[in-house]
Every structure is written in C-alpha cells, then in structure tokens.
Amino acid sequence: MILTNIESAPVIALSSGTGNVGSQIGISASGFLPTDTTCSFFSPSSSGVMTSAACVTVGGTWSGGFMVGNVLPGAYVIEATGNQGDFAQAILAVE
C-alpha cells in the first residue's frame, strides 16, 4: 500500500478582481493550515489600498473583506497571512 500526502497550497479569491475607491471587496480563502488561530489581510503594494479589513478563520478556511481606500488607479497585491506563516496573494485592479 502506498500512502500519498497531498497538500493544497493556500489560495484566496476576491469577490471582484476590480474595484473603485470606496467599493467593498469580499475575500474567501482556503488551503490554509487548520492550526492557524488568526488571519490577516493586507497589501504589500500599498498600505492605503485596504481600509476596514476584517478576517475570520475556521479550520483553514477564511472569509472577510475590506473597503478600497483612496488610492490611485492601478494593480495592487492583496495578501492573506496566517499566524503559522502560510500566505496567499491575489491582484486587485483599482479603476
């Protein structure tokens, strides 16, 4: 008998890949470690692109969202990070 350990890499999905200043963006995330007790969403591209960010974690599945801050149009990296060091990224285009 061969045992195979299959692990899923963390991924995040934005409710919309584009948004305007002031729009609400939802985030769903999966594949994170079930031992993560806290999670956070932020943008390494710009600290101002996300306001009122919130994250809730339950057994490796996360949900939350943020409001698009007052930033110039462009592409911004959105990152989800768990307290065990696991993370995933997605791109948000601000119009």
PDB file of N, CA and C in Angstrom:
ATOM      1  N   MET A   1       0.847  -1.183   0.000  1.00  0.00           N
ATOM      2  CA  MET A   1       0.000   0.000   0.000  1.00  0.00           C
ATOM      3  C   MET A   1       0.888   1.240   0.000  1.00  0.00           C
ATOM      4  N   ILE A   2       0.604   2.157  -0.889  1.00  0.00           N
ATOM      5  CA  ILE A   2       1.356   3.407  -0.988  1.00  0.00           C
ATOM      6  C   ILE A   2       0.508   4.520  -0.399  1.00  0.00           C
ATOM      7  N   LEU A   3       1.093   5.240   0.544  1.00  0.00           N
ATOM      8  CA  LEU A   3       0.410   6.385   1.139  1.00  0.00           C
ATOM      9  C   LEU A   3       0.933   7.650   0.489  1.00  0.00           C
ATOM     10  N   THR A   4       0.041   8.502   0.125  1.00  0.00           N
ATOM     11  CA  THR A   4       0.415   9.765  -0.503  1.00  0.00           C
ATOM     12  C   THR A   4      -0.150  10.896   0.323  1.00  0.00           C
ATOM     13  N   ASN A   5       0.711  11.829   0.652  1.00  0.00           N
ATOM     14  CA  ASN A   5       0.278  13.003   1.398  1.00  0.00           C
ATOM     15  C   ASN A   5       0.067  14.133   0.399  1.00  0.00           C
ATOM     16  N   ILE A   6      -1.153  14.534   0.214  1.00  0.00           N
ATOM     17  CA  ILE A   6      -1.478  15.608  -0.724  1.00  0.00           C
ATOM     18  C   ILE A   6      -1.829  16.854   0.076  1.00  0.00           C
ATOM     19  N   GLU A   7      -1.108  17.919  -0.202  1.00  0.00           N
ATOM     20  CA  GLU A   7      -1.369  19.175   0.474  1.00  0.00           C
ATOM     21  C   GLU A   7      -1.810  20.215  -0.548  1.00  0.00           C
ATOM     22  N   SER A   8      -2.784  20.980  -0.177  1.00  0.00           N
ATOM     23  CA  SER A   8      -3.279  22.037  -1.044  1.00  0.00           C
ATOM     24  C   SER A   8      -2.610  23.343  -0.640  1.00  0.00           C
ATOM     25  N   ALA A   9      -2.090  24.055  -1.599  1.00  0.00           N
ATOM     26  CA  ALA A   9      -1.491  25.358  -1.314  1.00  0.00           C
ATOM     27  C   ALA A   9      -2.594  26.353  -0.980  1.00  0.00           C
ATOM     28  N   PRO A  10      -2.319  27.287  -0.082  1.00  0.00           N
ATOM     29  CA  PRO A  10      -3.322  28.305   0.227  1.00  0.00           C
ATOM     30  C   PRO A  10      -3.669  29.140  -1.005  1.00  0.00           C
ATOM     31  N   VAL A  11      -4.930  29.469  -1.147  1.00  0.00           N
ATOM     32  CA  VAL A  11      -5.390  30.345  -2.225  1.00  0.00           C
ATOM     33  C   VAL A  11      -6.420  31.321  -1.675  1.00  0.00           C
ATOM     34  N   ILE A  12      -6.473  32.503  -2.273  1.00  0.00           N
ATOM     35  CA  ILE A  12      -7.527  33.459  -1.928  1.00  0.00           C
ATOM     36  C   ILE A  12      -8.248  33.870  -3.197  1.00  0.00           C
ATOM     37  N   ALA A  13      -9.510  34.177  -3.042  1.00  0.00           N
ATOM     38  CA  ALA A  13     -10.329  34.648  -4.153  1.00  0.00           C
ATOM     39  C   ALA A  13     -11.005  35.949  -3.730  1.00  0.00           C
ATOM     40  N   LEU A  14     -10.939  36.941  -4.598  1.00  0.00           N
ATOM     41  CA  LEU A  14     -11.617  38.210  -4.343  1.00  0.00           C
ATOM     42  C   LEU A  14     -13.000  38.154  -4.970  1.00  0.00           C
ATOM     43  N   SER A  15     -13.985  38.769  -4.318  1.00  0.00           N
ATOM     44  CA  SER A  15     -15.339  38.776  -4.878  1.00  0.00           C
ATOM     45  C   SER A  15     -15.385  39.506  -6.207  1.00  0.00           C
ATOM     46  N   SER A  16     -14.443  40.407  -6.395  1.00  0.00           N
ATOM     47  CA  SER A  16     -14.290  41.105  -7.670  1.00  0.00           C
ATOM     48  C   SER A  16     -12.812  41.405  -7.835  1.00  0.00           C
ATOM     49  N   GLY A  17     -12.293  41.196  -9.029  1.00  0.00           N
ATOM     50  CA  GLY A  17     -10.896  41.494  -9.304  1.00  0.00           C
ATOM     51  C   GLY A  17     -10.645  42.957  -9.586  1.00  0.00           C
ATOM     52  N   THR A  18     -11.746  43.724  -9.695  1.00  0.00           N
ATOM     53  CA  THR A  18     -11.627  45.164  -9.923  1.00  0.00           C
ATOM     54  C   THR A  18     -12.520  45.900  -8.938  1.00  0.00           C
ATOM     55  N   GLY A  19     -12.139  47.125  -8.631  1.00  0.00           N
ATOM     56  CA  GLY A  19     -12.944  47.930  -7.721  1.00  0.00           C
ATOM     57  C   GLY A  19     -12.589  49.392  -7.840  1.00  0.00           C
ATOM     58  N   ASN A  20     -13.465  50.213  -7.364  1.00  0.00           N
ATOM     59  CA  ASN A  20     -13.253  51.652  -7.309  1.00  0.00           C
ATOM     60  C   ASN A  20     -13.032  52.055  -5.860  1.00  0.00           C
ATOM     61  N   VAL A  21     -12.474  53.235  -5.663  1.00  0.00           N
ATOM     62  CA  VAL A  21     -12.309  53.759  -4.312  1.00  0.00           C
ATOM     63  C   VAL A  21     -13.664  53.728  -3.602  1.00  0.00           C
ATOM     64  N   GLY A  22     -13.686  53.154  -2.415  1.00  0.00           N
ATOM     65  CA  GLY A  22     -14.915  53.074  -1.625  1.00  0.00           C
ATOM     66  C   GLY A  22     -15.720  51.804  -1.826  1.00  0.00           C
ATOM     67  N   SER A  23     -15.376  50.992  -2.829  1.00  0.00           N
ATOM     68  CA  SER A  23     -16.148  49.762  -3.037  1.00  0.00           C
ATOM     69  C   SER A  23     -15.732  48.688  -2.031  1.00  0.00           C
ATOM     70  N   GLN A  24     -16.660  47.798  -1.737  1.00  0.00           N
ATOM     71  CA  GLN A  24     -16.454  46.708  -0.791  1.00  0.00           C
ATOM     72  C   GLN A  24     -16.012  45.467  -1.565  1.00  0.00           C
ATOM     73  N   ILE A  25     -14.920  44.824  -1.106  1.00  0.00           N
ATOM     74  CA  ILE A  25     -14.398  43.622  -1.745  1.00  0.00           C
ATOM     75  C   ILE A  25     -14.416  42.493  -0.719  1.00  0.00           C
ATOM     76  N   GLY A  26     -15.050  41.386  -1.073  1.00  0.00           N
ATOM     77  CA  GLY A  26     -15.063  40.215  -0.211  1.00  0.00           C
ATOM     78  C   GLY A  26     -13.881  39.321  -0.532  1.00  0.00           C
ATOM     79  N   ILE A  27     -13.403  38.591   0.479  1.00  0.00           N
ATOM     80  CA  ILE A  27     -12.294  37.660   0.291  1.00  0.00           C
ATOM     81  C   ILE A  27     -12.679  36.313   0.870  1.00  0.00           C
ATOM     82  N   SER A  28     -12.459  35.252   0.109  1.00  0.00           N
ATOM     83  CA  SER A  28     -12.587  33.901   0.653  1.00  0.00           C
ATOM     84  C   SER A  28     -11.244  33.214   0.453  1.00  0.00           C
ATOM     85  N   ALA A  29     -10.868  32.385   1.404  1.00  0.00           N
ATOM     86  CA  ALA A  29      -9.556  31.750   1.367  1.00  0.00           C
ATOM     87  C   ALA A  29      -9.673  30.308   1.822  1.00  0.00           C
ATOM     88  N   SER A  30      -8.859  29.448   1.222  1.00  0.00           N
ATOM     89  CA  SER A  30      -8.863  28.040   1.617  1.00  0.00           C
ATOM     90  C   SER A  30      -7.459  27.466   1.462  1.00  0.00           C
ATOM     91  N   GLY A  31      -7.261  26.275   2.012  1.00  0.00           N
ATOM     92  CA  GLY A  31      -5.973  25.616   1.925  1.00  0.00           C
ATOM     93  C   GLY A  31      -4.973  26.064   2.965  1.00  0.00           C
ATOM     94  N   PHE A  32      -5.399  26.881   3.902  1.00  0.00           N
ATOM     95  CA  PHE A  32      -4.510  27.330   4.964  1.00  0.00           C
ATOM     96  C   PHE A  32      -4.439  26.262   6.053  1.00  0.00           C
ATOM     97  N   LEU A  33      -3.435  26.358   6.898  1.00  0.00           N
ATOM     98  CA  LEU A  33      -3.265  25.380   7.962  1.00  0.00           C
ATOM     99  C   LEU A  33      -4.426  25.429   8.950  1.00  0.00           C
ATOM    100  N   PRO A  34      -4.963  24.283   9.332  1.00  0.00           N
ATOM    101  CA  PRO A  34      -6.061  24.286  10.311  1.00  0.00           C
ATOM    102  C   PRO A  34      -5.599  24.753  11.688  1.00  0.00           C
ATOM    103  N   THR A  35      -4.289  24.832  11.901  1.00  0.00           N
ATOM    104  CA  THR A  35      -3.762  25.306  13.187  1.00  0.00           C
ATOM    105  C   THR A  35      -3.654  26.827  13.253  1.00  0.00           C
ATOM    106  N   ASP A  36      -3.930  27.522  12.152  1.00  0.00           N
ATOM    107  CA  ASP A  36      -3.959  28.989  12.192  1.00  0.00           C
ATOM    108  C   ASP A  36      -5.109  29.429  13.089  1.00  0.00           C
ATOM    109  N   THR A  37      -4.793  30.225  14.105  1.00  0.00           N
ATOM    110  CA  THR A  37      -5.834  30.731  15.000  1.00  0.00           C
ATOM    111  C   THR A  37      -6.203  32.170  14.682  1.00  0.00           C
ATOM    112  N   THR A  38      -5.356  32.846  13.909  1.00  0.00           N
ATOM    113  CA  THR A  38      -5.658  34.205  13.475  1.00  0.00           C
ATOM    114  C   THR A  38      -5.235  34.360  12.016  1.00  0.00           C
ATOM    115  N   CYS A  39      -5.841  35.321  11.360  1.00  0.00           N
ATOM    116  CA  CYS A  39      -5.508  35.614   9.976  1.00  0.00           C
ATOM    117  C   CYS A  39      -5.561  37.119   9.777  1.00  0.00           C
ATOM    118  N   SER A  40      -4.896  37.565   8.726  1.00  0.00           N
ATOM    119  CA  SER A  40      -4.949  38.989   8.413  1.00  0.00           C
ATOM    120  C   SER A  40      -4.883  39.185   6.901  1.00  0.00           C
ATOM    121  N   PHE A  41      -5.505  40.252   6.462  1.00  0.00           N
ATOM    122  CA  PHE A  41      -5.455  40.671   5.073  1.00  0.00           C
ATOM    123  C   PHE A  41      -4.733  42.005   5.030  1.00  0.00           C
ATOM    124  N   PHE A  42      -3.817  42.166   4.077  1.00  0.00           N
ATOM    125  CA  PHE A  42      -3.128  43.445   3.895  1.00  0.00           C
ATOM    126  C   PHE A  42      -2.605  43.526   2.474  1.00  0.00           C
ATOM    127  N   SER A  43      -2.048  44.673   2.121  1.00  0.00           N
ATOM    128  CA  SER A  43      -1.486  44.852   0.787  1.00  0.00           C
ATOM    129  C   SER A  43      -0.028  45.258   0.905  1.00  0.00           C
ATOM    130  N   PRO A  44       0.900  44.395   0.444  1.00  0.00           N
ATOM    131  CA  PRO A  44       2.300  44.800   0.431  1.00  0.00           C
ATOM    132  C   PRO A  44       2.578  45.884  -0.612  1.00  0.00           C
ATOM    133  N   SER A  45       1.636  46.104  -1.544  1.00  0.00           N
ATOM    134  CA  SER A  45       1.795  47.132  -2.579  1.00  0.00           C
ATOM    135  C   SER A  45       1.585  48.535  -2.034  1.00  0.00           C
ATOM    136  N   SER A  46       0.587  48.689  -1.164  1.00  0.00           N
ATOM    137  CA  SER A  46       0.232  50.000  -0.637  1.00  0.00           C
ATOM    138  C   SER A  46      -0.578  49.835   0.632  1.00  0.00           C
ATOM    139  N   SER A  47      -0.141  50.474   1.694  1.00  0.00           N
ATOM    140  CA  SER A  47      -0.881  50.367   2.956  1.00  0.00           C
ATOM    141  C   SER A  47      -2.246  51.045   2.876  1.00  0.00           C
ATOM    142  N   GLY A  48      -2.459  51.917   1.891  1.00  0.00           N
ATOM    143  CA  GLY A  48      -3.713  52.653   1.790  1.00  0.00           C
ATOM    144  C   GLY A  48      -4.794  51.999   0.957  1.00  0.00           C
ATOM    145  N   VAL A  49      -4.494  50.892   0.269  1.00  0.00           N
ATOM    146  CA  VAL A  49      -5.485  50.304  -0.630  1.00  0.00           C
ATOM    147  C   VAL A  49      -6.603  49.580   0.133  1.00  0.00           C
ATOM    148  N   MET A  50      -6.336  49.153   1.357  1.00  0.00           N
ATOM    149  CA  MET A  50      -7.358  48.437   2.131  1.00  0.00           C
ATOM    150  C   MET A  50      -7.702  49.219   3.389  1.00  0.00           C
ATOM    151  N   THR A  51      -8.991  49.478   3.586  1.00  0.00           N
ATOM    152  CA  THR A  51      -9.447  50.059   4.842  1.00  0.00           C
ATOM    153  C   THR A  51     -10.502  49.135   5.427  1.00  0.00           C
ATOM    154  N   SER A  52     -10.624  49.137   6.716  1.00  0.00           N
ATOM    155  CA  SER A  52     -11.612  48.324   7.424  1.00  0.00           C
ATOM    156  C   SER A  52     -11.505  46.844   7.073  1.00  0.00           C
ATOM    157  N   ALA A  53     -10.279  46.326   6.951  1.00  0.00           N
ATOM    158  CA  ALA A  53     -10.088  44.911   6.618  1.00  0.00           C
ATOM    159  C   ALA A  53     -10.438  44.036   7.811  1.00  0.00           C
ATOM    160  N   ALA A  54     -11.160  42.951   7.535  1.00  0.00           N
ATOM    161  CA  ALA A  54     -11.553  42.007   8.582  1.00  0.00           C
ATOM    162  C   ALA A  54     -11.346  40.591   8.070  1.00  0.00           C
ATOM    163  N   CYS A  55     -10.935  39.696   8.977  1.00  0.00           N
ATOM    164  CA  CYS A  55     -10.680  38.306   8.611  1.00  0.00           C
ATOM    165  C   CYS A  55     -11.144  37.383   9.731  1.00  0.00           C
ATOM    166  N   VAL A  56     -11.816  36.304   9.359  1.00  0.00           N
ATOM    167  CA  VAL A  56     -12.264  35.287  10.319  1.00  0.00           C
ATOM    168  C   VAL A  56     -11.763  33.945   9.813  1.00  0.00           C
ATOM    169  N   THR A  57     -11.175  33.131  10.706  1.00  0.00           N
ATOM    170  CA  THR A  57     -10.658  31.821  10.321  1.00  0.00           C
ATOM    171  C   THR A  57     -11.374  30.705  11.074  1.00  0.00           C
ATOM    172  N   VAL A  58     -11.729  29.661  10.333  1.00  0.00           N
ATOM    173  CA  VAL A  58     -12.339  28.464  10.924  1.00  0.00           C
ATOM    174  C   VAL A  58     -11.724  27.254  10.219  1.00  0.00           C
ATOM    175  N   GLY A  59     -10.809  26.566  10.893  1.00  0.00           N
ATOM    176  CA  GLY A  59     -10.250  25.324  10.385  1.00  0.00           C
ATOM    177  C   GLY A  59      -9.603  25.385   9.021  1.00  0.00           C
ATOM    178  N   GLY A  60      -8.851  26.411   8.731  1.00  0.00           N
ATOM    179  CA  GLY A  60      -8.154  26.503   7.456  1.00  0.00           C
ATOM    180  C   GLY A  60      -8.928  27.210   6.358  1.00  0.00           C
ATOM    181  N   THR A  61     -10.185  27.548   6.623  1.00  0.00           N
ATOM    182  CA  THR A  61     -10.990  28.305   5.666  1.00  0.00           C
ATOM    183  C   THR A  61     -11.243  29.688   6.254  1.00  0.00           C
ATOM    184  N   TRP A  62     -10.973  30.696   5.473  1.00  0.00           N
ATOM    185  CA  TRP A  62     -11.092  32.069   5.951  1.00  0.00           C
ATOM    186  C   TRP A  62     -12.101  32.842   5.123  1.00  0.00           C
ATOM    187  N   SER A  63     -12.650  33.884   5.729  1.00  0.00           N
ATOM    188  CA  SER A  63     -13.516  34.800   4.997  1.00  0.00           C
ATOM    189  C   SER A  63     -13.361  36.189   5.590  1.00  0.00           C
ATOM    190  N   GLY A  64     -13.731  37.169   4.820  1.00  0.00           N
ATOM    191  CA  GLY A  64     -13.643  38.547   5.282  1.00  0.00           C
ATOM    192  C   GLY A  64     -13.755  39.495   4.118  1.00  0.00           C
ATOM    193  N   GLY A  65     -13.216  40.682   4.308  1.00  0.00           N
ATOM    194  CA  GLY A  65     -13.275  41.668   3.249  1.00  0.00           C
ATOM    195  C   GLY A  65     -12.660  42.982   3.667  1.00  0.00           C
ATOM    196  N   PHE A  66     -12.766  43.947   2.777  1.00  0.00           N
ATOM    197  CA  PHE A  66     -12.218  45.275   3.026  1.00  0.00           C
ATOM    198  C   PHE A  66     -12.884  46.274   2.095  1.00  0.00           C
ATOM    199  N   MET A  67     -12.684  47.543   2.399  1.00  0.00           N
ATOM    200  CA  MET A  67     -13.136  48.623   1.533  1.00  0.00           C
ATOM    201  C   MET A  67     -11.906  49.174   0.822  1.00  0.00           C
ATOM    202  N   VAL A  68     -12.039  49.459  -0.471  1.00  0.00           N
ATOM    203  CA  VAL A  68     -10.922  50.016  -1.242  1.00  0.00           C
ATOM    204  C   VAL A  68     -10.676  51.446  -0.769  1.00  0.00           C
ATOM    205  N   GLY A  69      -9.440  51.696  -0.368  1.00  0.00           N
ATOM    206  CA  GLY A  69      -9.056  53.011   0.136  1.00  0.00           C
ATOM    207  C   GLY A  69      -8.839  54.023  -0.981  1.00  0.00           C
ATOM    208  N   ASN A  70      -8.478  55.210  -0.585  1.00  0.00           N
ATOM    209  CA  ASN A  70      -8.276  56.317  -1.521  1.00  0.00           C
ATOM    210  C   ASN A  70      -6.875  56.209  -2.137  1.00  0.00           C
ATOM    211  N   VAL A  71      -6.771  55.405  -3.205  1.00  0.00           N
ATOM    212  CA  VAL A  71      -5.500  55.189  -3.890  1.00  0.00           C
ATOM    213  C   VAL A  71      -5.658  55.483  -5.378  1.00  0.00           C
ATOM    214  N   LEU A  72      -4.536  55.667  -6.046  1.00  0.00           N
ATOM    215  CA  LEU A  72      -4.548  55.892  -7.486  1.00  0.00           C
ATOM    216  C   LEU A  72      -4.930  54.613  -8.218  1.00  0.00           C
ATOM    217  N   PRO A  73      -5.505  54.721  -9.410  1.00  0.00           N
ATOM    218  CA  PRO A  73      -5.798  53.527 -10.202  1.00  0.00           C
ATOM    219  C   PRO A  73      -4.520  52.720 -10.445  1.00  0.00           C
ATOM    220  N   GLY A  74      -4.683  51.406 -10.482  1.00  0.00           N
ATOM    221  CA  GLY A  74      -3.543  50.530 -10.731  1.00  0.00           C
ATOM    222  C   GLY A  74      -3.787  49.147 -10.178  1.00  0.00           C
ATOM    223  N   ALA A  75      -2.775  48.306 -10.254  1.00  0.00           N
ATOM    224  CA  ALA A  75      -2.857  46.931  -9.754  1.00  0.00           C
ATOM    225  C   ALA A  75      -2.188  46.862  -8.389  1.00  0.00           C
ATOM    226  N   TYR A  76      -2.867  46.213  -7.442  1.00  0.00           N
ATOM    227  CA  TYR A  76      -2.375  46.100  -6.072  1.00  0.00           C
ATOM    228  C   TYR A  76      -2.415  44.643  -5.627  1.00  0.00           C
ATOM    229  N   VAL A  77      -1.370  44.217  -4.937  1.00  0.00           N
ATOM    230  CA  VAL A  77      -1.312  42.863  -4.388  1.00  0.00           C
ATOM    231  C   VAL A  77      -2.093  42.839  -3.081  1.00  0.00           C
ATOM    232  N   ILE A  78      -2.981  41.854  -2.950  1.00  0.00           N
ATOM    233  CA  ILE A  78      -3.719  41.624  -1.713  1.00  0.00           C
ATOM    234  C   ILE A  78      -3.203  40.311  -1.141  1.00  0.00           C
ATOM    235  N   GLU A  79      -2.802  40.317   0.126  1.00  0.00           N
ATOM    236  CA  GLU A  79      -2.223  39.119   0.739  1.00  0.00           C
ATOM    237  C   GLU A  79      -3.004  38.702   1.972  1.00  0.00           C
ATOM    238  N   ALA A  80      -3.184  37.403   2.120  1.00  0.00           N
ATOM    239  CA  ALA A  80      -3.769  36.807   3.317  1.00  0.00           C
ATOM    240  C   ALA A  80      -2.656  36.031   4.007  1.00  0.00           C
ATOM    241  N   THR A  81      -2.485  36.258   5.308  1.00  0.00           N
ATOM    242  CA  THR A  81      -1.419  35.616   6.064  1.00  0.00           C
ATOM    243  C   THR A  81      -1.980  35.031   7.355  1.00  0.00           C
ATOM    244  N   GLY A  82      -1.567  33.799   7.652  1.00  0.00           N
ATOM    245  CA  GLY A  82      -1.957  33.155   8.900  1.00  0.00           C
ATOM    246  C   GLY A  82      -0.856  33.259   9.923  1.00  0.00           C
ATOM    247  N   ASN A  83      -1.196  33.019  11.188  1.00  0.00           N
ATOM    248  CA  ASN A  83      -0.192  33.143  12.238  1.00  0.00           C
ATOM    249  C   ASN A  83       0.834  32.009  12.221  1.00  0.00           C
ATOM    250  N   GLN A  84       0.652  31.006  11.362  1.00  0.00           N
ATOM    251  CA  GLN A  84       1.636  29.933  11.221  1.00  0.00           C
ATOM    252  C   GLN A  84       2.602  30.203  10.069  1.00  0.00           C
ATOM    253  N   GLY A  85       2.496  31.378   9.422  1.00  0.00           N
ATOM    254  CA  GLY A  85       3.410  31.762   8.360  1.00  0.00           C
ATOM    255  C   GLY A  85       2.928  31.441   6.957  1.00  0.00           C
ATOM    256  N   ASP A  86       1.786  30.773   6.824  1.00  0.00           N
ATOM    257  CA  ASP A  86       1.267  30.476   5.492  1.00  0.00           C
ATOM    258  C   ASP A  86       0.585  31.708   4.917  1.00  0.00           C
ATOM    259  N   PHE A  87       0.636  31.832   3.581  1.00  0.00           N
ATOM    260  CA  PHE A  87       0.054  33.024   2.955  1.00  0.00           C
ATOM    261  C   PHE A  87      -0.316  32.721   1.505  1.00  0.00           C
ATOM    262  N   ALA A  88      -1.134  33.608   0.948  1.00  0.00           N
ATOM    263  CA  ALA A  88      -1.501  33.549  -0.458  1.00  0.00           C
ATOM    264  C   ALA A  88      -1.759  34.974  -0.920  1.00  0.00           C
ATOM    265  N   GLN A  89      -1.671  35.184  -2.245  1.00  0.00           N
ATOM    266  CA  GLN A  89      -1.843  36.526  -2.796  1.00  0.00           C
ATOM    267  C   GLN A  89      -2.788  36.508  -3.992  1.00  0.00           C
ATOM    268  N   ALA A  90      -3.407  37.657  -4.231  1.00  0.00           N
ATOM    269  CA  ALA A  90      -4.235  37.887  -5.403  1.00  0.00           C
ATOM    270  C   ALA A  90      -4.018  39.336  -5.831  1.00  0.00           C
ATOM    271  N   ILE A  91      -4.446  39.656  -7.039  1.00  0.00           N
ATOM    272  CA  ILE A  91      -4.278  41.025  -7.567  1.00  0.00           C
ATOM    273  C   ILE A  91      -5.639  41.711  -7.642  1.00  0.00           C
ATOM    274  N   LEU A  92      -5.685  42.943  -7.158  1.00  0.00           N
ATOM    275  CA  LEU A  92      -6.871  43.790  -7.260  1.00  0.00           C
ATOM    276  C   LEU A  92      -6.537  44.949  -8.190  1.00  0.00           C
ATOM    277  N   ALA A  93      -7.360  45.157  -9.200  1.00  0.00           N
ATOM    278  CA  ALA A  93      -7.199  46.303 -10.095  1.00  0.00           C
ATOM    279  C   ALA A  93      -8.138  47.411  -9.632  1.00  0.00           C
ATOM    280  N   VAL A  94      -7.577  48.535  -9.235  1.00  0.00           N
ATOM    281  CA  VAL A  94      -8.380  49.683  -8.823  1.00  0.00           C
ATOM    282  C   VAL A  94      -8.553  50.568 -10.050  1.00  0.00           C
ATOM    283  N   GLU A  95      -9.799  50.883 -10.353  1.00  0.00           N
ATOM    284  CA  GLU A  95     -10.109  51.705 -11.540  1.00  0.00           C
ATOM    285  C   GLU A  95     -10.288  53.147 -11.185  1.00  0.00           C
TER     286      GLU A  95
END
